[in-house]
PDB file of all heavy atoms in Angstrom:
ATOM      1  N   SER A   1      -8.541  -0.111  22.392  1.00  0.00           N
ATOM      2  CA  SER A   1      -7.104  -0.084  22.178  1.00  0.00           C
ATOM      3  C   SER A   1      -6.435  -0.716  23.405  1.00  0.00           C
ATOM      4  O   SER A   1      -7.100  -1.398  24.196  1.00  0.00           O
ATOM      5  CB  SER A   1      -6.588   1.344  21.946  1.00  0.00           C
ATOM      6  OG  SER A   1      -5.255   1.313  21.439  1.00  0.00           O
ATOM      7  N   ALA A   2      -5.126  -0.510  23.540  1.00  0.00           N
ATOM      8  CA  ALA A   2      -4.391  -1.128  24.654  1.00  0.00           C
ATOM      9  C   ALA A   2      -3.205  -0.231  24.997  1.00  0.00           C
ATOM     10  O   ALA A   2      -2.926   0.761  24.320  1.00  0.00           O
ATOM     11  CB  ALA A   2      -3.916  -2.534  24.268  1.00  0.00           C
ATOM     12  N   HIS A   3      -2.497  -0.598  26.039  1.00  0.00           N
ATOM     13  CA  HIS A   3      -1.332   0.191  26.476  1.00  0.00           C
ATOM     14  C   HIS A   3      -0.099  -0.237  25.660  1.00  0.00           C
ATOM     15  O   HIS A   3       0.854  -0.793  26.172  1.00  0.00           O
ATOM     16  CB  HIS A   3      -1.110   0.029  27.971  1.00  0.00           C
ATOM     17  CG  HIS A   3      -2.196   0.700  28.765  1.00  0.00           C
ATOM     18  ND1 HIS A   3      -3.411   0.101  29.001  1.00  0.00           N
ATOM     19  CD2 HIS A   3      -2.260   1.936  29.341  1.00  0.00           C
ATOM     20  CE1 HIS A   3      -4.161   0.941  29.719  1.00  0.00           C
ATOM     21  NE2 HIS A   3      -3.487   2.037  29.932  1.00  0.00           N
ATOM     22  N   VAL A   4      -0.201   0.027  24.381  1.00  0.00           N
ATOM     23  CA  VAL A   4       0.884  -0.183  23.423  1.00  0.00           C
ATOM     24  C   VAL A   4       0.935   1.051  22.537  1.00  0.00           C
ATOM     25  O   VAL A   4      -0.049   1.747  22.356  1.00  0.00           O
ATOM     26  CB  VAL A   4       0.650  -1.442  22.553  1.00  0.00           C
ATOM     27  CG1 VAL A   4       0.574  -2.686  23.413  1.00  0.00           C
ATOM     28  CG2 VAL A   4      -0.610  -1.295  21.714  1.00  0.00           C
ATOM     29  N   GLY A   5       2.134   1.343  22.003  1.00  0.00           N
ATOM     30  CA  GLY A   5       2.236   2.490  21.102  1.00  0.00           C
ATOM     31  C   GLY A   5       1.846   3.787  21.823  1.00  0.00           C
ATOM     32  O   GLY A   5       2.127   3.995  22.987  1.00  0.00           O
ATOM     33  N   ASN A   6       1.163   4.650  21.088  1.00  0.00           N
ATOM     34  CA  ASN A   6       0.770   5.980  21.601  1.00  0.00           C
ATOM     35  C   ASN A   6      -0.629   6.298  21.145  1.00  0.00           C
ATOM     36  O   ASN A   6      -0.834   7.072  20.193  1.00  0.00           O
ATOM     37  CB  ASN A   6       1.753   7.041  21.127  1.00  0.00           C
ATOM     38  CG  ASN A   6       1.564   8.385  21.836  1.00  0.00           C
ATOM     39  OD1 ASN A   6       0.610   8.562  22.575  1.00  0.00           O
ATOM     40  ND2 ASN A   6       2.472   9.296  21.585  1.00  0.00           N
ATOM     41  N   PHE A   7      -1.620   5.723  21.818  1.00  0.00           N
ATOM     42  CA  PHE A   7      -3.013   5.855  21.353  1.00  0.00           C
ATOM     43  C   PHE A   7      -3.503   7.296  21.412  1.00  0.00           C
ATOM     44  O   PHE A   7      -4.404   7.662  20.646  1.00  0.00           O
ATOM     45  CB  PHE A   7      -3.928   4.951  22.165  1.00  0.00           C
ATOM     46  CG  PHE A   7      -5.353   5.003  21.684  1.00  0.00           C
ATOM     47  CD1 PHE A   7      -5.725   4.379  20.513  1.00  0.00           C
ATOM     48  CD2 PHE A   7      -6.320   5.732  22.374  1.00  0.00           C
ATOM     49  CE1 PHE A   7      -7.036   4.458  20.036  1.00  0.00           C
ATOM     50  CE2 PHE A   7      -7.629   5.816  21.911  1.00  0.00           C
ATOM     51  CZ  PHE A   7      -7.986   5.164  20.743  1.00  0.00           C
ATOM     52  N   GLU A   8      -2.970   8.128  22.301  1.00  0.00           N
ATOM     53  CA  GLU A   8      -3.480   9.493  22.413  1.00  0.00           C
ATOM     54  C   GLU A   8      -3.365  10.264  21.110  1.00  0.00           C
ATOM     55  O   GLU A   8      -4.098  11.209  20.852  1.00  0.00           O
ATOM     56  CB  GLU A   8      -2.792  10.228  23.569  1.00  0.00           C
ATOM     57  CG  GLU A   8      -3.226   9.685  24.911  1.00  0.00           C
ATOM     58  CD  GLU A   8      -2.986  10.673  26.048  1.00  0.00           C
ATOM     59  OE1 GLU A   8      -3.164  11.872  25.842  1.00  0.00           O
ATOM     60  OE2 GLU A   8      -2.619  10.225  27.127  1.00  0.00           O
ATOM     61  N   LEU A   9      -2.402   9.871  20.253  1.00  0.00           N
ATOM     62  CA  LEU A   9      -2.262  10.542  18.953  1.00  0.00           C
ATOM     63  C   LEU A   9      -3.432  10.212  18.013  1.00  0.00           C
ATOM     64  O   LEU A   9      -3.565  10.838  16.968  1.00  0.00           O
ATOM     65  CB  LEU A   9      -0.948  10.179  18.284  1.00  0.00           C
ATOM     66  CG  LEU A   9       0.304  10.892  18.823  1.00  0.00           C
ATOM     67  CD1 LEU A   9       1.553  10.406  18.118  1.00  0.00           C
ATOM     68  CD2 LEU A   9       0.173  12.411  18.642  1.00  0.00           C
ATOM     69  N   ALA A  10      -4.241   9.205  18.389  1.00  0.00           N
ATOM     70  CA  ALA A  10      -5.410   8.887  17.568  1.00  0.00           C
ATOM     71  C   ALA A  10      -6.353  10.072  17.492  1.00  0.00           C
ATOM     72  O   ALA A  10      -7.037  10.286  16.476  1.00  0.00           O
ATOM     73  CB  ALA A  10      -6.139   7.667  18.135  1.00  0.00           C
ATOM     74  N   ALA A  11      -6.393  10.852  18.553  1.00  0.00           N
ATOM     75  CA  ALA A  11      -7.277  12.041  18.557  1.00  0.00           C
ATOM     76  C   ALA A  11      -6.848  12.996  17.452  1.00  0.00           C
ATOM     77  O   ALA A  11      -7.692  13.680  16.840  1.00  0.00           O
ATOM     78  CB  ALA A  11      -7.182  12.750  19.911  1.00  0.00           C
ATOM     79  N   HIS A  12      -5.559  13.024  17.195  1.00  0.00           N
ATOM     80  CA  HIS A  12      -5.040  13.935  16.150  1.00  0.00           C
ATOM     81  C   HIS A  12      -5.263  13.362  14.743  1.00  0.00           C
ATOM     82  O   HIS A  12      -5.769  14.041  13.864  1.00  0.00           O
ATOM     83  CB  HIS A  12      -3.544  14.177  16.402  1.00  0.00           C
ATOM     84  CG  HIS A  12      -2.850  14.920  15.303  1.00  0.00           C
ATOM     85  ND1 HIS A  12      -3.281  16.168  14.886  1.00  0.00           N
ATOM     86  CD2 HIS A  12      -1.776  14.597  14.551  1.00  0.00           C
ATOM     87  CE1 HIS A  12      -2.462  16.582  13.917  1.00  0.00           C
ATOM     88  NE2 HIS A  12      -1.568  15.650  13.696  1.00  0.00           N
ATOM     89  N   CYS A  13      -4.892  12.071  14.551  1.00  0.00           N
ATOM     90  CA  CYS A  13      -4.943  11.521  13.188  1.00  0.00           C
ATOM     91  C   CYS A  13      -6.321  11.033  12.780  1.00  0.00           C
ATOM     92  O   CYS A  13      -6.585  10.850  11.596  1.00  0.00           O
ATOM     93  CB  CYS A  13      -3.932  10.410  13.033  1.00  0.00           C
ATOM     94  SG  CYS A  13      -4.199   8.966  14.070  1.00  0.00           S
ATOM     95  N   LEU A  14      -7.232  10.816  13.742  1.00  0.00           N
ATOM     96  CA  LEU A  14      -8.578  10.355  13.416  1.00  0.00           C
ATOM     97  C   LEU A  14      -9.633  11.453  13.650  1.00  0.00           C
ATOM     98  O   LEU A  14     -10.806  11.161  13.817  1.00  0.00           O
ATOM     99  CB  LEU A  14      -8.931   9.107  14.231  1.00  0.00           C
ATOM    100  CG  LEU A  14      -8.034   7.889  14.037  1.00  0.00           C
ATOM    101  CD1 LEU A  14      -8.472   6.751  14.941  1.00  0.00           C
ATOM    102  CD2 LEU A  14      -8.035   7.435  12.570  1.00  0.00           C
ATOM    103  N   HIS A  15      -9.180  12.682  13.661  1.00  0.00           N
ATOM    104  CA  HIS A  15     -10.093  13.796  13.916  1.00  0.00           C
ATOM    105  C   HIS A  15     -11.198  13.868  12.862  1.00  0.00           C
ATOM    106  O   HIS A  15     -10.947  13.750  11.660  1.00  0.00           O
ATOM    107  CB  HIS A  15      -9.314  15.105  13.943  1.00  0.00           C
ATOM    108  CG  HIS A  15     -10.168  16.287  14.230  1.00  0.00           C
ATOM    109  ND1 HIS A  15     -10.027  17.495  13.588  1.00  0.00           N
ATOM    110  CD2 HIS A  15     -11.190  16.445  15.105  1.00  0.00           C
ATOM    111  CE1 HIS A  15     -10.926  18.349  14.054  1.00  0.00           C
ATOM    112  NE2 HIS A  15     -11.643  17.734  14.973  1.00  0.00           N
ATOM    113  N   GLN A  16     -12.427  14.019  13.320  1.00  0.00           N
ATOM    114  CA  GLN A  16     -13.581  14.160  12.428  1.00  0.00           C
ATOM    115  C   GLN A  16     -14.652  14.995  13.154  1.00  0.00           C
ATOM    116  O   GLN A  16     -14.531  15.236  14.367  1.00  0.00           O
ATOM    117  CB  GLN A  16     -14.127  12.787  12.027  1.00  0.00           C
ATOM    118  CG  GLN A  16     -14.271  11.799  13.178  1.00  0.00           C
ATOM    119  CD  GLN A  16     -15.483  12.094  14.063  1.00  0.00           C
ATOM    120  OE1 GLN A  16     -16.566  12.302  13.565  1.00  0.00           O
ATOM    121  NE2 GLN A  16     -15.271  12.113  15.372  1.00  0.00           N
ATOM    122  N   ASP A  17     -15.635  15.468  12.428  1.00  0.00           N
ATOM    123  CA  ASP A  17     -16.645  16.366  12.993  1.00  0.00           C
ATOM    124  C   ASP A  17     -18.034  15.760  13.073  1.00  0.00           C
ATOM    125  O   ASP A  17     -18.993  16.467  13.397  1.00  0.00           O
ATOM    126  CB  ASP A  17     -16.704  17.654  12.152  1.00  0.00           C
ATOM    127  CG  ASP A  17     -15.402  18.416  12.158  1.00  0.00           C
ATOM    128  OD1 ASP A  17     -14.818  18.567  13.251  1.00  0.00           O
ATOM    129  OD2 ASP A  17     -14.941  18.874  11.094  1.00  0.00           O
ATOM    130  N   LYS A  18     -18.167  14.470  12.805  1.00  0.00           N
ATOM    131  CA  LYS A  18     -19.493  13.852  12.737  1.00  0.00           C
ATOM    132  C   LYS A  18     -19.929  13.260  14.063  1.00  0.00           C
ATOM    133  O   LYS A  18     -21.126  13.130  14.330  1.00  0.00           O
ATOM    134  CB  LYS A  18     -19.530  12.795  11.650  1.00  0.00           C
ATOM    135  CG  LYS A  18     -19.314  13.369  10.235  1.00  0.00           C
ATOM    136  CD  LYS A  18     -19.303  12.285   9.187  1.00  0.00           C
ATOM    137  CE  LYS A  18     -19.097  12.917   7.822  1.00  0.00           C
ATOM    138  NZ  LYS A  18     -19.067  11.869   6.754  1.00  0.00           N
ATOM    139  N   LYS A  19     -18.978  12.857  14.881  1.00  0.00           N
ATOM    140  CA  LYS A  19     -19.312  12.204  16.160  1.00  0.00           C
ATOM    141  C   LYS A  19     -18.455  12.770  17.289  1.00  0.00           C
ATOM    142  O   LYS A  19     -17.368  13.294  17.067  1.00  0.00           O
ATOM    143  CB  LYS A  19     -19.092  10.682  16.073  1.00  0.00           C
ATOM    144  CG  LYS A  19     -20.088   9.944  15.201  1.00  0.00           C
ATOM    145  CD  LYS A  19     -19.782   8.445  15.194  1.00  0.00           C
ATOM    146  CE  LYS A  19     -20.811   7.664  14.378  1.00  0.00           C
ATOM    147  NZ  LYS A  19     -22.110   7.567  15.058  1.00  0.00           N
ATOM    148  N   GLN A  20     -18.990  12.630  18.484  1.00  0.00           N
ATOM    149  CA  GLN A  20     -18.217  12.955  19.680  1.00  0.00           C
ATOM    150  C   GLN A  20     -17.522  11.676  20.177  1.00  0.00           C
ATOM    151  O   GLN A  20     -18.081  10.588  20.139  1.00  0.00           O
ATOM    152  CB  GLN A  20     -19.137  13.485  20.778  1.00  0.00           C
ATOM    153  CG  GLN A  20     -19.717  14.865  20.515  1.00  0.00           C
ATOM    154  CD  GLN A  20     -18.671  15.967  20.665  1.00  0.00           C
ATOM    155  OE1 GLN A  20     -17.872  15.974  21.592  1.00  0.00           O
ATOM    156  NE2 GLN A  20     -18.669  16.902  19.730  1.00  0.00           N
ATOM    157  N   PHE A  21     -16.277  11.825  20.637  1.00  0.00           N
ATOM    158  CA  PHE A  21     -15.549  10.741  21.285  1.00  0.00           C
ATOM    159  C   PHE A  21     -15.725  10.884  22.782  1.00  0.00           C
ATOM    160  O   PHE A  21     -15.716  11.992  23.337  1.00  0.00           O
ATOM    161  CB  PHE A  21     -14.062  10.808  20.978  1.00  0.00           C
ATOM    162  CG  PHE A  21     -13.679  10.420  19.569  1.00  0.00           C
ATOM    163  CD1 PHE A  21     -13.072  11.332  18.727  1.00  0.00           C
ATOM    164  CD2 PHE A  21     -13.931   9.143  19.097  1.00  0.00           C
ATOM    165  CE1 PHE A  21     -12.704  10.977  17.435  1.00  0.00           C
ATOM    166  CE2 PHE A  21     -13.572   8.768  17.817  1.00  0.00           C
ATOM    167  CZ  PHE A  21     -12.954   9.713  16.983  1.00  0.00           C
ATOM    168  N   TYR A  22     -15.851   9.761  23.468  1.00  0.00           N
ATOM    169  CA  TYR A  22     -15.857   9.744  24.938  1.00  0.00           C
ATOM    170  C   TYR A  22     -14.816   8.737  25.376  1.00  0.00           C
ATOM    171  O   TYR A  22     -14.975   7.524  25.173  1.00  0.00           O
ATOM    172  CB  TYR A  22     -17.249   9.365  25.471  1.00  0.00           C
ATOM    173  CG  TYR A  22     -18.265  10.448  25.272  1.00  0.00           C
ATOM    174  CD1 TYR A  22     -18.962  10.574  24.061  1.00  0.00           C
ATOM    175  CD2 TYR A  22     -18.521  11.389  26.261  1.00  0.00           C
ATOM    176  CE1 TYR A  22     -19.876  11.602  23.847  1.00  0.00           C
ATOM    177  CE2 TYR A  22     -19.454  12.404  26.078  1.00  0.00           C
ATOM    178  CZ  TYR A  22     -20.112  12.512  24.872  1.00  0.00           C
ATOM    179  OH  TYR A  22     -21.031  13.520  24.662  1.00  0.00           O
ATOM    180  N   SER A  23     -13.733   9.239  25.967  1.00  0.00           N
ATOM    181  CA  SER A  23     -12.608   8.388  26.324  1.00  0.00           C
ATOM    182  C   SER A  23     -12.604   8.085  27.809  1.00  0.00           C
ATOM    183  O   SER A  23     -12.700   8.988  28.634  1.00  0.00           O
ATOM    184  CB  SER A  23     -11.300   9.066  25.916  1.00  0.00           C
ATOM    185  OG  SER A  23     -10.185   8.260  26.236  1.00  0.00           O
ATOM    186  N   LEU A  24     -12.492   6.800  28.134  1.00  0.00           N
ATOM    187  CA  LEU A  24     -12.443   6.366  29.534  1.00  0.00           C
ATOM    188  C   LEU A  24     -11.037   6.600  30.065  1.00  0.00           C
ATOM    189  O   LEU A  24     -10.052   6.133  29.470  1.00  0.00           O
ATOM    190  CB  LEU A  24     -12.787   4.886  29.634  1.00  0.00           C
ATOM    191  CG  LEU A  24     -13.502   4.421  30.896  1.00  0.00           C
ATOM    192  CD1 LEU A  24     -14.876   5.074  30.996  1.00  0.00           C
ATOM    193  CD2 LEU A  24     -13.648   2.904  30.899  1.00  0.00           C
TER     194      LEU A  24
END
């Protein structure tokens, strides 16, 4: 992603239980 919009909300709208996310 990039520093546009509000990417942190992706954690909320793309929530799933199959994989772990690792955010830099």
